[in-house]
PDB file of N, CA and C in Angstrom:
ATOM      1  N   MET A   1      99.023  27.618 -96.526  1.00  0.00           N
ATOM      2  CA  MET A   1      97.939  28.521 -96.212  1.00  0.00           C
ATOM      3  C   MET A   1      96.740  27.778 -95.619  1.00  0.00           C
ATOM      4  N   ILE A   2      96.406  26.673 -96.156  1.00  0.00           N
ATOM      5  CA  ILE A   2      95.280  25.904 -95.638  1.00  0.00           C
ATOM      6  C   ILE A   2      95.668  25.206 -94.332  1.00  0.00           C
ATOM      7  N   LEU A   3      96.924  25.010 -94.109  1.00  0.00           N
ATOM      8  CA  LEU A   3      97.402  24.291 -92.947  1.00  0.00           C
ATOM      9  C   LEU A   3      97.068  25.008 -91.634  1.00  0.00           C
ATOM     10  N   LYS A   4      97.185  26.326 -91.589  1.00  0.00           N
ATOM     11  CA  LYS A   4      96.910  27.073 -90.356  1.00  0.00           C
ATOM     12  C   LYS A   4      95.445  26.936 -89.916  1.00  0.00           C
ATOM     13  N   PRO A   5      94.445  27.105 -90.808  1.00  0.00           N
ATOM     14  CA  PRO A   5      93.060  26.919 -90.362  1.00  0.00           C
ATOM     15  C   PRO A   5      92.783  25.484 -89.916  1.00  0.00           C
ATOM     16  N   LEU A   6      93.385  24.509 -90.555  1.00  0.00           N
ATOM     17  CA  LEU A   6      93.174  23.120 -90.157  1.00  0.00           C
ATOM     18  C   LEU A   6      93.756  22.839 -88.779  1.00  0.00           C
ATOM     19  N   ILE A   7      94.914  23.402 -88.496  1.00  0.00           N
ATOM     20  CA  ILE A   7      95.516  23.230 -87.170  1.00  0.00           C
ATOM     21  C   ILE A   7      94.639  23.903 -86.119  1.00  0.00           C
ATOM     22  N   GLY A   8      94.112  25.074 -86.437  1.00  0.00           N
ATOM     23  CA  GLY A   8      93.216  25.786 -85.516  1.00  0.00           C
ATOM     24  C   GLY A   8      91.951  24.985 -85.241  1.00  0.00           C
ATOM     25  N   LEU A   9      91.369  24.387 -86.270  1.00  0.00           N
ATOM     26  CA  LEU A   9      90.171  23.564 -86.083  1.00  0.00           C
ATOM     27  C   LEU A   9      90.485  22.317 -85.265  1.00  0.00           C
ATOM     28  N   ALA A  10      91.632  21.724 -85.494  1.00  0.00           N
ATOM     29  CA  ALA A  10      92.019  20.542 -84.735  1.00  0.00           C
ATOM     30  C   ALA A  10      92.188  20.879 -83.259  1.00  0.00           C
ATOM     31  N   LEU A  11      92.771  22.032 -82.958  1.00  0.00           N
ATOM     32  CA  LEU A  11      92.938  22.451 -81.573  1.00  0.00           C
ATOM     33  C   LEU A  11      91.583  22.725 -80.915  1.00  0.00           C
ATOM     34  N   LEU A  12      90.676  23.349 -81.632  1.00  0.00           N
ATOM     35  CA  LEU A  12      89.334  23.609 -81.099  1.00  0.00           C
ATOM     36  C   LEU A  12      88.591  22.303 -80.835  1.00  0.00           C
ATOM     37  N   ALA A  13      88.717  21.364 -81.744  1.00  0.00           N
ATOM     38  CA  ALA A  13      88.047  20.075 -81.569  1.00  0.00           C
ATOM     39  C   ALA A  13      88.602  19.349 -80.354  1.00  0.00           C
ATOM     40  N   ALA A  14      89.886  19.424 -80.133  1.00  0.00           N
ATOM     41  CA  ALA A  14      90.491  18.756 -78.989  1.00  0.00           C
ATOM     42  C   ALA A  14      90.017  19.374 -77.678  1.00  0.00           C
ATOM     43  N   VAL A  15      89.783  20.669 -77.672  1.00  0.00           N
ATOM     44  CA  VAL A  15      89.320  21.348 -76.466  1.00  0.00           C
ATOM     45  C   VAL A  15      87.827  21.119 -76.254  1.00  0.00           C
ATOM     46  N   ALA A  16      87.050  21.034 -77.324  1.00  0.00           N
ATOM     47  CA  ALA A  16      85.597  20.936 -77.230  1.00  0.00           C
ATOM     48  C   ALA A  16      85.116  19.547 -76.834  1.00  0.00           C
ATOM     49  N   ILE A  17      85.896  18.508 -77.058  1.00  0.00           N
ATOM     50  CA  ILE A  17      85.474  17.148 -76.729  1.00  0.00           C
ATOM     51  C   ILE A  17      85.818  16.870 -75.273  1.00  0.00           C
ATOM     52  N   PRO A  18      84.821  16.551 -74.452  1.00  0.00           N
ATOM     53  CA  PRO A  18      85.092  16.270 -73.043  1.00  0.00           C
ATOM     54  C   PRO A  18      85.941  15.013 -72.896  1.00  0.00           C
ATOM     55  N   ALA A  19      86.678  14.938 -71.815  1.00  0.00           N
ATOM     56  CA  ALA A  19      87.516  13.775 -71.560  1.00  0.00           C
ATOM     57  C   ALA A  19      86.651  12.523 -71.446  1.00  0.00           C
ATOM     58  N   GLY A  20      87.046  11.463 -72.098  1.00  0.00           N
ATOM     59  CA  GLY A  20      86.327  10.202 -72.061  1.00  0.00           C
ATOM     60  C   GLY A  20      85.170  10.123 -73.023  1.00  0.00           C
ATOM     61  N   ALA A  21      84.889  11.181 -73.784  1.00  0.00           N
ATOM     62  CA  ALA A  21      83.764  11.157 -74.705  1.00  0.00           C
ATOM     63  C   ALA A  21      83.993  10.165 -75.827  1.00  0.00           C
ATOM     64  N   ALA A  22      85.250   9.943 -76.198  1.00  0.00           N
ATOM     65  CA  ALA A  22      85.531   8.990 -77.267  1.00  0.00           C
ATOM     66  C   ALA A  22      85.223   7.571 -76.811  1.00  0.00           C
ATOM     67  N   ASP A  23      85.276   7.302 -75.508  1.00  0.00           N
ATOM     68  CA  ASP A  23      84.999   5.972 -74.974  1.00  0.00           C
ATOM     69  C   ASP A  23      83.527   5.757 -74.662  1.00  0.00           C
ATOM     70  N   ALA A  24      82.709   6.793 -74.707  1.00  0.00           N
ATOM     71  CA  ALA A  24      81.294   6.691 -74.348  1.00  0.00           C
ATOM     72  C   ALA A  24      80.540   5.914 -75.419  1.00  0.00           C
ATOM     73  N   PRO A  25      79.515   5.161 -75.021  1.00  0.00           N
ATOM     74  CA  PRO A  25      78.729   4.425 -76.005  1.00  0.00           C
ATOM     75  C   PRO A  25      77.934   5.379 -76.878  1.00  0.00           C
ATOM     76  N   PRO A  26      77.629   4.973 -78.104  1.00  0.00           N
ATOM     77  CA  PRO A  26      76.847   5.851 -78.964  1.00  0.00           C
ATOM     78  C   PRO A  26      75.464   6.089 -78.371  1.00  0.00           C
ATOM     79  N   GLY A  27      74.948   7.278 -78.554  1.00  0.00           N
ATOM     80  CA  GLY A  27      73.620   7.593 -78.023  1.00  0.00           C
ATOM     81  C   GLY A  27      73.670   8.203 -76.637  1.00  0.00           C
ATOM     82  N   GLY A  28      74.829   8.418 -76.096  1.00  0.00           N
ATOM     83  CA  GLY A  28      74.928   9.054 -74.790  1.00  0.00           C
ATOM     84  C   GLY A  28      75.185   8.058 -73.695  1.00  0.00           C
ATOM     85  N   PRO A  29      75.421   8.540 -72.502  1.00  0.00           N
ATOM     86  CA  PRO A  29      75.726   7.650 -71.385  1.00  0.00           C
ATOM     87  C   PRO A  29      74.508   6.837 -70.973  1.00  0.00           C
ATOM     88  N   VAL A  30      74.768   5.672 -70.445  1.00  0.00           N
ATOM     89  CA  VAL A  30      73.704   4.791 -69.976  1.00  0.00           C
ATOM     90  C   VAL A  30      73.688   4.882 -68.459  1.00  0.00           C
ATOM     91  N   ALA A  31      72.528   5.179 -67.887  1.00  0.00           N
ATOM     92  CA  ALA A  31      72.411   5.311 -66.438  1.00  0.00           C
ATOM     93  C   ALA A  31      72.297   3.934 -65.815  1.00  0.00           C
ATOM     94  N   GLY A  32      73.203   3.629 -64.916  1.00  0.00           N
ATOM     95  CA  GLY A  32      73.142   2.381 -64.173  1.00  0.00           C
ATOM     96  C   GLY A  32      72.307   2.583 -62.927  1.00  0.00           C
ATOM     97  N   PRO A  33      72.238   1.577 -62.068  1.00  0.00           N
ATOM     98  CA  PRO A  33      71.425   1.712 -60.859  1.00  0.00           C
ATOM     99  C   PRO A  33      71.870   2.865 -59.963  1.00  0.00           C
ATOM    100  N   ALA A  34      73.174   3.112 -59.880  1.00  0.00           N
ATOM    101  CA  ALA A  34      73.644   4.189 -59.017  1.00  0.00           C
ATOM    102  C   ALA A  34      73.376   5.557 -59.630  1.00  0.00           C
ATOM    103  N   GLN A  35      73.236   5.627 -60.961  1.00  0.00           N
ATOM    104  CA  GLN A  35      73.023   6.898 -61.632  1.00  0.00           C
ATOM    105  C   GLN A  35      71.543   7.158 -61.911  1.00  0.00           C
ATOM    106  N   ALA A  36      70.694   6.216 -61.639  1.00  0.00           N
ATOM    107  CA  ALA A  36      69.272   6.383 -61.936  1.00  0.00           C
ATOM    108  C   ALA A  36      68.713   7.543 -61.117  1.00  0.00           C
ATOM    109  N   GLY A  37      67.789   8.257 -61.705  1.00  0.00           N
ATOM    110  CA  GLY A  37      67.169   9.383 -61.027  1.00  0.00           C
ATOM    111  C   GLY A  37      66.226   8.918 -59.932  1.00  0.00           C
ATOM    112  N   PRO A  38      65.642   9.846 -59.209  1.00  0.00           N
ATOM    113  CA  PRO A  38      64.724   9.470 -58.144  1.00  0.00           C
ATOM    114  C   PRO A  38      63.505   8.765 -58.704  1.00  0.00           C
ATOM    115  N   GLN A  39      63.027   7.801 -57.939  1.00  0.00           N
ATOM    116  CA  GLN A  39      61.854   7.051 -58.369  1.00  0.00           C
ATOM    117  C   GLN A  39      60.607   7.924 -58.221  1.00  0.00           C
ATOM    118  N   PRO A  40      59.689   7.823 -59.171  1.00  0.00           N
ATOM    119  CA  PRO A  40      58.480   8.639 -59.066  1.00  0.00           C
ATOM    120  C   PRO A  40      57.645   8.236 -57.863  1.00  0.00           C
ATOM    121  N   GLN A  41      57.052   9.213 -57.232  1.00  0.00           N
ATOM    122  CA  GLN A  41      56.187   8.964 -56.088  1.00  0.00           C
ATOM    123  C   GLN A  41      54.887   8.337 -56.572  1.00  0.00           C
ATOM    124  N   PRO A  42      54.361   7.378 -55.820  1.00  0.00           N
ATOM    125  CA  PRO A  42      53.047   6.830 -56.175  1.00  0.00           C
ATOM    126  C   PRO A  42      51.989   7.921 -56.053  1.00  0.00           C
ATOM    127  N   ASP A  43      50.879   7.716 -56.692  1.00  0.00           N
ATOM    128  CA  ASP A  43      49.801   8.703 -56.684  1.00  0.00           C
ATOM    129  C   ASP A  43      48.948   8.512 -55.429  1.00  0.00           C
ATOM    130  N   TYR A  44      49.518   8.829 -54.268  1.00  0.00           N
ATOM    131  CA  TYR A  44      48.821   8.682 -52.993  1.00  0.00           C
ATOM    132  C   TYR A  44      48.168  10.000 -52.606  1.00  0.00           C
ATOM    133  N   HIS A  45      47.090   9.871 -51.830  1.00  0.00           N
ATOM    134  CA  HIS A  45      46.388  11.033 -51.287  1.00  0.00           C
ATOM    135  C   HIS A  45      46.091  10.749 -49.827  1.00  0.00           C
ATOM    136  N   CYS A  46      46.033  11.792 -49.018  1.00  0.00           N
ATOM    137  CA  CYS A  46      45.663  11.623 -47.616  1.00  0.00           C
ATOM    138  C   CYS A  46      44.211  11.171 -47.529  1.00  0.00           C
ATOM    139  N   PRO A  47      43.914  10.305 -46.564  1.00  0.00           N
ATOM    140  CA  PRO A  47      42.526   9.871 -46.391  1.00  0.00           C
ATOM    141  C   PRO A  47      41.616  11.052 -46.067  1.00  0.00           C
ATOM    142  N   THR A  48      40.366  10.948 -46.458  1.00  0.00           N
ATOM    143  CA  THR A  48      39.404  12.025 -46.203  1.00  0.00           C
ATOM    144  C   THR A  48      38.810  11.923 -44.803  1.00  0.00           C
ATOM    145  N   THR A  49      39.001  10.788 -44.128  1.00  0.00           N
ATOM    146  CA  THR A  49      38.514  10.607 -42.764  1.00  0.00           C
ATOM    147  C   THR A  49      39.672  10.758 -41.792  1.00  0.00           C
ATOM    148  N   PRO A  50      39.388  11.056 -40.526  1.00  0.00           N
ATOM    149  CA  PRO A  50      40.481  11.223 -39.563  1.00  0.00           C
ATOM    150  C   PRO A  50      41.160   9.902 -39.183  1.00  0.00           C
ATOM    151  N   TYR A  51      40.539   8.763 -39.519  1.00  0.00           N
ATOM    152  CA  TYR A  51      41.086   7.454 -39.174  1.00  0.00           C
ATOM    153  C   TYR A  51      41.227   6.597 -40.419  1.00  0.00           C
ATOM    154  N   LEU A  52      42.310   5.800 -40.434  1.00  0.00           N
ATOM    155  CA  LEU A  52      42.494   4.791 -41.472  1.00  0.00           C
ATOM    156  C   LEU A  52      42.312   3.453 -40.774  1.00  0.00           C
ATOM    157  N   ASN A  53      41.231   2.761 -41.085  1.00  0.00           N
ATOM    158  CA  ASN A  53      40.870   1.532 -40.400  1.00  0.00           C
ATOM    159  C   ASN A  53      41.588   0.341 -41.029  1.00  0.00           C
ATOM    160  N   CYS A  54      42.582  -0.184 -40.329  1.00  0.00           N
ATOM    161  CA  CYS A  54      43.308  -1.372 -40.779  1.00  0.00           C
ATOM    162  C   CYS A  54      43.175  -2.502 -39.766  1.00  0.00           C
ATOM    163  N   MET A  55      42.033  -2.512 -39.071  1.00  0.00           N
ATOM    164  CA  MET A  55      41.771  -3.574 -38.095  1.00  0.00           C
ATOM    165  C   MET A  55      41.487  -4.876 -38.832  1.00  0.00           C
ATOM    166  N   PRO A  56      42.102  -5.987 -38.388  1.00  0.00           N
ATOM    167  CA  PRO A  56      41.800  -7.279 -39.006  1.00  0.00           C
ATOM    168  C   PRO A  56      40.379  -7.693 -38.671  1.00  0.00           C
ATOM    169  N   PRO A  57      39.744  -8.435 -39.488  1.00  0.00           N
ATOM    170  CA  PRO A  57      40.190  -8.888 -40.803  1.00  0.00           C
ATOM    171  C   PRO A  57      40.077  -7.749 -41.826  1.00  0.00           C
ATOM    172  N   ILE A  58      41.066  -7.661 -42.693  1.00  0.00           N
ATOM    173  CA  ILE A  58      41.085  -6.613 -43.712  1.00  0.00           C
ATOM    174  C   ILE A  58      40.447  -7.172 -44.972  1.00  0.00           C
ATOM    175  N   GLY A  59      39.346  -6.580 -45.360  1.00  0.00           N
ATOM    176  CA  GLY A  59      38.629  -7.022 -46.552  1.00  0.00           C
ATOM    177  C   GLY A  59      39.338  -6.587 -47.825  1.00  0.00           C
ATOM    178  N   GLU A  60      38.874  -7.130 -48.916  1.00  0.00           N
ATOM    179  CA  GLU A  60      39.455  -6.818 -50.232  1.00  0.00           C
ATOM    180  C   GLU A  60      39.376  -5.325 -50.535  1.00  0.00           C
ATOM    181  N   ASP A  61      38.314  -4.665 -50.065  1.00  0.00           N
ATOM    182  CA  ASP A  61      38.139  -3.240 -50.347  1.00  0.00           C
ATOM    183  C   ASP A  61      39.150  -2.355 -49.606  1.00  0.00           C
ATOM    184  N   ARG A  62      39.773  -2.875 -48.519  1.00  0.00           N
ATOM    185  CA  ARG A  62      40.726  -2.072 -47.744  1.00  0.00           C
ATOM    186  C   ARG A  62      42.174  -2.532 -47.896  1.00  0.00           C
ATOM    187  N   ARG A  63      42.438  -3.534 -48.706  1.00  0.00           N
ATOM    188  CA  ARG A  63      43.816  -4.059 -48.821  1.00  0.00           C
ATOM    189  C   ARG A  63      44.791  -3.019 -49.331  1.00  0.00           C
ATOM    190  N   GLN A  64      44.428  -2.277 -50.359  1.00  0.00           N
ATOM    191  CA  GLN A  64      45.316  -1.240 -50.901  1.00  0.00           C
ATOM    192  C   GLN A  64      45.580  -0.165 -49.848  1.00  0.00           C
ATOM    193  N   ALA A  65      44.536   0.250 -49.144  1.00  0.00           N
ATOM    194  CA  ALA A  65      44.667   1.330 -48.162  1.00  0.00           C
ATOM    195  C   ALA A  65      45.465   0.903 -46.940  1.00  0.00           C
ATOM    196  N   CYS A  66      45.616  -0.388 -46.706  1.00  0.00           N
ATOM    197  CA  CYS A  66      46.344  -0.866 -45.531  1.00  0.00           C
ATOM    198  C   CYS A  66      47.677  -1.516 -45.904  1.00  0.00           C
ATOM    199  N   SER A  67      48.138  -1.297 -47.123  1.00  0.00           N
ATOM    200  CA  SER A  67      49.431  -1.852 -47.514  1.00  0.00           C
ATOM    201  C   SER A  67      50.538  -1.151 -46.733  1.00  0.00           C
ATOM    202  N   LYS A  68      51.661  -1.832 -46.534  1.00  0.00           N
ATOM    203  CA  LYS A  68      52.775  -1.248 -45.779  1.00  0.00           C
ATOM    204  C   LYS A  68      53.235   0.071 -46.389  1.00  0.00           C
ATOM    205  N   GLU A  69      53.328   0.103 -47.709  1.00  0.00           N
ATOM    206  CA  GLU A  69      53.821   1.291 -48.391  1.00  0.00           C
ATOM    207  C   GLU A  69      52.897   2.490 -48.160  1.00  0.00           C
ATOM    208  N   TYR A  70      51.575   2.250 -48.319  1.00  0.00           N
ATOM    209  CA  TYR A  70      50.627   3.355 -48.162  1.00  0.00           C
ATOM    210  C   TYR A  70      50.560   3.822 -46.712  1.00  0.00           C
ATOM    211  N   VAL A  71      50.558   2.901 -45.764  1.00  0.00           N
ATOM    212  CA  VAL A  71      50.504   3.275 -44.348  1.00  0.00           C
ATOM    213  C   VAL A  71      51.738   4.099 -43.976  1.00  0.00           C
ATOM    214  N   ALA A  72      52.912   3.693 -44.462  1.00  0.00           N
ATOM    215  CA  ALA A  72      54.133   4.466 -44.189  1.00  0.00           C
ATOM    216  C   ALA A  72      54.041   5.859 -44.807  1.00  0.00           C
ATOM    217  N   TRP A  73      53.474   5.945 -46.010  1.00  0.00           N
ATOM    218  CA  TRP A  73      53.324   7.246 -46.671  1.00  0.00           C
ATOM    219  C   TRP A  73      52.358   8.130 -45.883  1.00  0.00           C
ATOM    220  N   VAL A  74      51.250   7.564 -45.420  1.00  0.00           N
ATOM    221  CA  VAL A  74      50.262   8.334 -44.648  1.00  0.00           C
ATOM    222  C   VAL A  74      50.897   8.833 -43.351  1.00  0.00           C
ATOM    223  N   GLN A  75      51.668   7.991 -42.684  1.00  0.00           N
ATOM    224  CA  GLN A  75      52.304   8.417 -41.434  1.00  0.00           C
ATOM    225  C   GLN A  75      53.281   9.569 -41.676  1.00  0.00           C
ATOM    226  N   ALA A  76      53.924   9.575 -42.833  1.00  0.00           N
ATOM    227  CA  ALA A  76      54.906  10.623 -43.129  1.00  0.00           C
ATOM    228  C   ALA A  76      54.277  11.903 -43.669  1.00  0.00           C
ATOM    229  N   HIS A  77      53.119  11.800 -44.336  1.00  0.00           N
ATOM    230  CA  HIS A  77      52.566  12.966 -45.041  1.00  0.00           C
ATOM    231  C   HIS A  77      51.220  13.462 -44.533  1.00  0.00           C
ATOM    232  N   CYS A  78      50.563  12.719 -43.698  1.00  0.00           N
ATOM    233  CA  CYS A  78      49.228  13.104 -43.221  1.00  0.00           C
ATOM    234  C   CYS A  78      49.216  13.077 -41.700  1.00  0.00           C
ATOM    235  N   PRO A  79      49.758  14.110 -41.046  1.00  0.00           N
ATOM    236  CA  PRO A  79      49.932  14.086 -39.597  1.00  0.00           C
ATOM    237  C   PRO A  79      48.628  14.024 -38.800  1.00  0.00           C
ATOM    238  N   LYS A  80      47.523  14.442 -39.363  1.00  0.00           N
ATOM    239  CA  LYS A  80      46.253  14.439 -38.632  1.00  0.00           C
ATOM    240  C   LYS A  80      45.522  13.105 -38.726  1.00  0.00           C
ATOM    241  N   THR A  81      45.989  12.184 -39.552  1.00  0.00           N
ATOM    242  CA  THR A  81      45.322  10.905 -39.748  1.00  0.00           C
ATOM    243  C   THR A  81      45.858   9.878 -38.752  1.00  0.00           C
ATOM    244  N   GLN A  82      44.943   9.234 -38.035  1.00  0.00           N
ATOM    245  CA  GLN A  82      45.281   8.184 -37.113  1.00  0.00           C
ATOM    246  C   GLN A  82      45.060   6.825 -37.801  1.00  0.00           C
ATOM    247  N   ILE A  83      45.968   5.891 -37.589  1.00  0.00           N
ATOM    248  CA  ILE A  83      45.837   4.563 -38.186  1.00  0.00           C
ATOM    249  C   ILE A  83      45.430   3.599 -37.086  1.00  0.00           C
ATOM    250  N   VAL A  84      44.339   2.904 -37.298  1.00  0.00           N
ATOM    251  CA  VAL A  84      43.797   1.981 -36.321  1.00  0.00           C
ATOM    252  C   VAL A  84      44.164   0.563 -36.764  1.00  0.00           C
ATOM    253  N   TYR A  85      44.887  -0.147 -35.872  1.00  0.00           N
ATOM    254  CA  TYR A  85      45.281  -1.547 -36.164  1.00  0.00           C
ATOM    255  C   TYR A  85      44.439  -2.512 -35.385  1.00  0.00           C
TER     256      TYR A  85
END
């Protein structure tokens, strides 16, 4: 009598466990470089002036604003801003 419910539970458990779950590390899957989610965007804002002055010599106050990463972001996201080299 007890055997039938146990067989039923065993069948349900076999169906409910996804394939390969027994081989997974405890705590869930570990994301490798290929599985990592998108990288967060830096906290950039479009310049408030129509020009971004990156003419040499670039002083300490303009180094962040003239970095390669920020200039590329401005070119992609701020179409009205002109960059002066």
